[in-house]
């Protein structure tokens, strides 16, 4: 049963990754088109840049005064939290299943 729950959490992480792949690039394109200075601060490869992901995860995107952008970035942040939480829960359950 423990491994089944770990697999379920892994499936939730895959769902979160799907949402992340949809909303984060849309957010970056919105920044590129309407807020070039913010986009320049994130760097050229912001999609998987640790600094840009930390910026998203910390919620520092709220400094951009654009409701359309925050409407795109908020689901990306939630999906990133879902990915990290589900992978952590899956790893804990897997470790618990192999513990003697």
Protein backbone atom coordinates (compact mmCIF):
# COMPACT_ATOMS: atom_id res chain seq x y z
CA UNK A 1 0.00 0.00 0.00
CA UNK A 2 2.86 2.37 0.77
CA UNK A 3 4.41 1.96 -2.65
CA UNK A 4 1.00 2.50 -4.26
CA UNK A 5 0.66 5.83 -2.44
CA UNK A 6 4.20 6.75 -3.47
CA UNK A 7 3.25 6.03 -7.08
CA UNK A 8 0.11 8.15 -6.70
CA UNK A 9 2.19 11.08 -5.44
CA UNK A 10 4.53 10.60 -8.38
CA UNK A 11 1.50 10.85 -10.68
CA UNK A 12 0.49 14.09 -8.97
CA UNK A 13 4.01 15.40 -9.61
CA UNK A 14 3.61 14.57 -13.30
CA UNK A 15 0.33 16.49 -13.35
CA UNK A 16 2.04 19.45 -11.69
CA UNK A 17 4.82 19.29 -14.26
CA UNK A 18 2.24 19.42 -17.05
CA UNK A 19 0.69 22.57 -15.58
CA UNK A 20 4.14 24.08 -15.04
CA UNK A 21 5.11 23.47 -18.67
CA UNK A 22 1.97 25.29 -19.75
CA UNK A 23 2.00 28.35 -17.46
CA UNK A 24 5.68 29.15 -16.89
CA UNK A 25 6.57 29.64 -20.59
CA UNK A 26 3.45 31.77 -21.03
CA UNK A 27 4.58 33.89 -18.10
CA UNK A 28 8.06 34.28 -19.55
CA UNK A 29 6.68 35.29 -22.96
CA UNK A 30 4.45 37.86 -21.26
CA UNK A 31 7.49 39.27 -19.46
CA UNK A 32 9.46 39.34 -22.70
CA UNK A 33 6.73 41.24 -24.50
CA UNK A 34 5.60 43.68 -21.80
CA UNK A 35 8.29 43.87 -19.12
CA UNK A 36 11.74 43.51 -20.75
CA UNK A 37 13.72 44.81 -17.72
CA UNK A 38 12.25 42.13 -15.45
CA UNK A 39 12.83 39.46 -18.10
CA UNK A 40 16.44 40.62 -18.48
CA UNK A 41 16.97 40.22 -14.71
CA UNK A 42 15.87 36.57 -14.94
CA UNK A 43 18.45 35.81 -17.62
CA UNK A 44 18.41 34.23 -21.04
CA UNK A 45 17.56 30.67 -19.97
CA UNK A 46 14.97 31.48 -17.33
CA UNK A 47 12.81 28.40 -17.95
CA UNK A 48 14.98 26.11 -15.81
CA UNK A 49 17.30 28.65 -14.22
CA UNK A 50 17.55 28.05 -10.45
CA UNK A 51 17.50 31.80 -9.81
CA UNK A 52 14.35 32.29 -11.88
CA UNK A 53 12.63 29.30 -10.28
CA UNK A 54 13.53 30.64 -6.82
CA UNK A 55 12.13 34.02 -7.88
CA UNK A 56 8.90 32.32 -8.89
CA UNK A 57 8.70 30.06 -5.84
CA UNK A 58 9.31 32.94 -3.42
CA UNK A 59 6.48 34.93 -5.00
CA UNK A 60 8.67 37.86 -5.95
CA UNK A 61 6.75 38.09 -9.22
CA UNK A 62 4.15 40.16 -7.35
CA UNK A 63 6.54 43.13 -7.69
CA UNK A 64 5.48 43.35 -11.36
CA UNK A 65 2.36 45.57 -11.41
CA UNK A 66 0.52 43.59 -14.06
CA UNK A 67 -2.55 41.52 -13.17
CA UNK A 68 -2.34 39.54 -16.41
CA UNK A 69 1.20 38.46 -15.59
CA UNK A 70 0.39 37.49 -12.01
CA UNK A 71 -2.60 35.57 -13.36
CA UNK A 72 -0.16 33.47 -15.39
CA UNK A 73 2.61 33.23 -12.82
CA UNK A 74 0.41 32.16 -9.90
CA UNK A 75 -0.61 28.80 -11.46
CA UNK A 76 3.05 28.26 -12.41
CA UNK A 77 4.04 28.84 -8.78
CA UNK A 78 1.32 26.53 -7.47
CA UNK A 79 2.31 23.80 -9.91
CA UNK A 80 5.97 24.15 -8.91
CA UNK A 81 4.97 23.74 -5.26
CA UNK A 82 2.85 20.70 -6.18
CA UNK A 83 5.79 19.14 -8.03
CA UNK A 84 8.19 19.64 -5.13
CA UNK A 85 5.69 18.54 -2.48
CA UNK A 86 4.55 15.45 -4.37
CA UNK A 87 8.11 14.35 -5.13
CA UNK A 88 9.07 14.84 -1.49
CA UNK A 89 6.06 12.84 -0.29
CA UNK A 90 6.77 10.13 -2.83
CA UNK A 91 10.41 9.91 -1.72
CA UNK A 92 9.43 9.71 1.95
CA UNK A 93 6.94 6.93 1.27
CA UNK A 94 9.45 5.04 -0.85
CA UNK A 95 12.10 5.34 1.89
CA UNK A 96 9.53 4.19 4.43
CA UNK A 97 8.73 1.15 2.29
CA UNK A 98 12.36 0.00 2.18
CA UNK A 99 13.03 0.65 5.87
CA UNK A 100 13.44 -2.55 7.90
